[in-house]
Protein backbone atom coordinates (compact mmCIF):
# COMPACT_ATOMS: atom_id res chain seq x y z
CA UNK A 1 99.88 139.71 92.37
CA UNK A 2 101.49 139.49 95.91
CA UNK A 3 104.59 137.23 97.15
CA UNK A 4 103.70 134.85 99.79
CA UNK A 5 105.27 132.41 101.70
CA UNK A 6 102.37 129.89 100.77
CA UNK A 7 103.28 130.25 96.45
CA UNK A 8 106.63 129.16 97.00
CA UNK A 9 105.92 126.42 99.71
CA UNK A 10 104.57 125.07 96.27
CA UNK A 11 107.76 124.56 95.20
CA UNK A 12 109.38 120.94 95.36
CA UNK A 13 112.04 120.30 93.38
CA UNK A 14 112.76 121.73 89.23
CA UNK A 15 112.72 120.62 86.37
CA UNK A 16 113.79 123.31 84.38
CA UNK A 17 117.22 125.53 85.46
CA UNK A 18 118.25 128.91 84.53
CA UNK A 19 121.09 130.26 84.54
CA UNK A 20 122.49 133.20 86.10
CA UNK A 21 122.75 136.18 83.71
CA UNK A 22 126.03 137.93 85.29
CA UNK A 23 127.53 134.52 87.04
CA UNK A 24 127.30 132.07 84.44
CA UNK A 25 128.54 129.37 86.25
CA UNK A 26 125.14 129.33 88.85
CA UNK A 27 121.91 127.64 87.98
CA UNK A 28 118.97 128.81 90.17
CA UNK A 29 115.26 127.40 90.05
CA UNK A 30 112.03 127.74 88.95
CA UNK A 31 111.58 128.34 92.33
CA UNK A 32 113.66 131.08 92.73
CA UNK A 33 112.62 132.08 89.57
CA UNK A 34 109.18 132.25 90.84
CA UNK A 35 110.49 134.51 93.99
CA UNK A 36 112.71 136.56 91.40
CA UNK A 37 110.40 137.73 89.32
CA UNK A 38 106.95 137.20 91.86
CA UNK A 39 109.26 139.30 94.23
CA UNK A 40 111.16 141.59 92.56
CA UNK A 41 114.05 139.68 93.73
CA UNK A 42 116.87 139.66 91.23
CA UNK A 43 118.82 141.79 93.01
CA UNK A 44 118.94 138.93 95.89
CA UNK A 45 119.77 136.42 92.97
CA UNK A 46 122.71 139.58 91.81
CA UNK A 47 124.02 139.41 95.60
CA UNK A 48 123.78 135.94 96.23
CA UNK A 49 125.78 135.03 92.88
CA UNK A 50 128.24 137.72 93.29
CA UNK A 51 129.32 137.51 96.59
CA UNK A 52 130.20 133.41 95.24
CA UNK A 53 133.16 135.11 94.25
CA UNK A 54 134.71 136.09 97.57
CA UNK A 55 136.86 133.16 98.88
CA UNK A 56 135.32 131.87 102.34
CA UNK A 57 132.21 132.38 100.67
CA UNK A 58 132.66 130.22 97.90
CA UNK A 59 134.47 127.74 100.33
CA UNK A 60 131.49 126.34 101.99
CA UNK A 61 129.51 124.05 100.30
CA UNK A 62 125.86 124.68 101.77
CA UNK A 63 125.18 127.84 101.88
CA UNK A 64 121.91 129.62 103.97
CA UNK A 65 121.32 133.11 103.08
CA UNK A 66 118.51 134.92 104.71
CA UNK A 67 116.63 138.29 104.22
CA UNK A 68 114.99 139.91 107.10
CA UNK A 69 113.01 143.31 106.14
CA UNK A 70 112.05 145.16 109.12
CA UNK A 71 109.33 147.46 109.27
CA UNK A 72 111.37 150.25 108.51
CA UNK A 73 112.20 148.73 104.88
CA UNK A 74 116.19 148.44 106.02
CA UNK A 75 116.96 144.30 105.56
CA UNK A 76 119.50 142.59 107.02
CA UNK A 77 121.34 139.96 103.87
CA UNK A 78 123.57 137.11 106.23
CA UNK A 79 124.81 134.30 105.02
CA UNK A 80 125.94 130.55 107.74
CA UNK A 81 126.95 127.85 106.81
CA UNK A 82 124.39 125.61 107.90
CA UNK A 83 125.68 125.01 111.39
CA UNK A 84 125.02 128.40 112.84
CA UNK A 85 128.85 130.12 111.69
CA UNK A 86 128.00 133.61 110.41
CA UNK A 87 130.02 134.14 106.67
CA UNK A 88 128.78 136.87 105.76
CA UNK A 89 126.72 139.70 106.86
CA UNK A 90 125.24 143.37 105.44
CA UNK A 91 122.69 145.31 106.10
CA UNK A 92 120.68 146.46 103.11
CA UNK A 93 120.07 150.67 103.52
CA UNK A 94 116.60 149.82 101.87
CA UNK A 95 114.19 146.92 99.59
CA UNK A 96 110.47 147.00 98.33
CA UNK A 97 110.95 142.84 99.21
CA UNK A 98 107.23 141.60 99.65
CA UNK A 99 108.06 139.01 102.29
CA UNK A 100 109.09 140.10 105.67
CA UNK A 101 112.21 136.75 105.72
CA UNK A 102 113.40 134.60 103.25
CA UNK A 103 115.46 131.61 103.17
CA UNK A 104 117.76 130.53 99.98
CA UNK A 105 120.43 127.14 100.18
CA UNK A 106 122.78 127.27 98.25
CA UNK A 107 124.47 123.50 96.94
CA UNK A 108 127.65 124.04 95.59
CA UNK A 109 126.91 125.89 92.25
CA UNK A 110 122.07 126.30 92.57
CA UNK A 111 120.35 128.57 94.54
CA UNK A 112 117.78 127.05 95.36
CA UNK A 113 114.22 127.29 97.80
CA UNK A 114 115.10 124.87 101.03
CA UNK A 115 111.68 123.30 100.06
CA UNK A 116 113.05 122.56 96.57
CA UNK A 117 115.65 120.61 97.97
């Protein structure tokens, strides 16, 4: 099964919460679980969750995390405060993530898809 943006737009809220395996205070939604499982992107959840240990990232009550994948399979992961102010940015040397881009939001201790807000 190939993950598509249309698949992810079907998630509008959540009835089940998942606890991150490393960062036990971080929860995520059904849509994010689907993304991680179908897109092989548990690594992305790990990055977003563990960056919550960084004080300047954790200080932002709302975070917009964007992964942009290039044709050569490198990528850039950025986090901003929802107003365009970059809080974190990093280059990813290689990824097999199936979409060209994805956005995740962090509100408090919850990772969610924008459609689940």
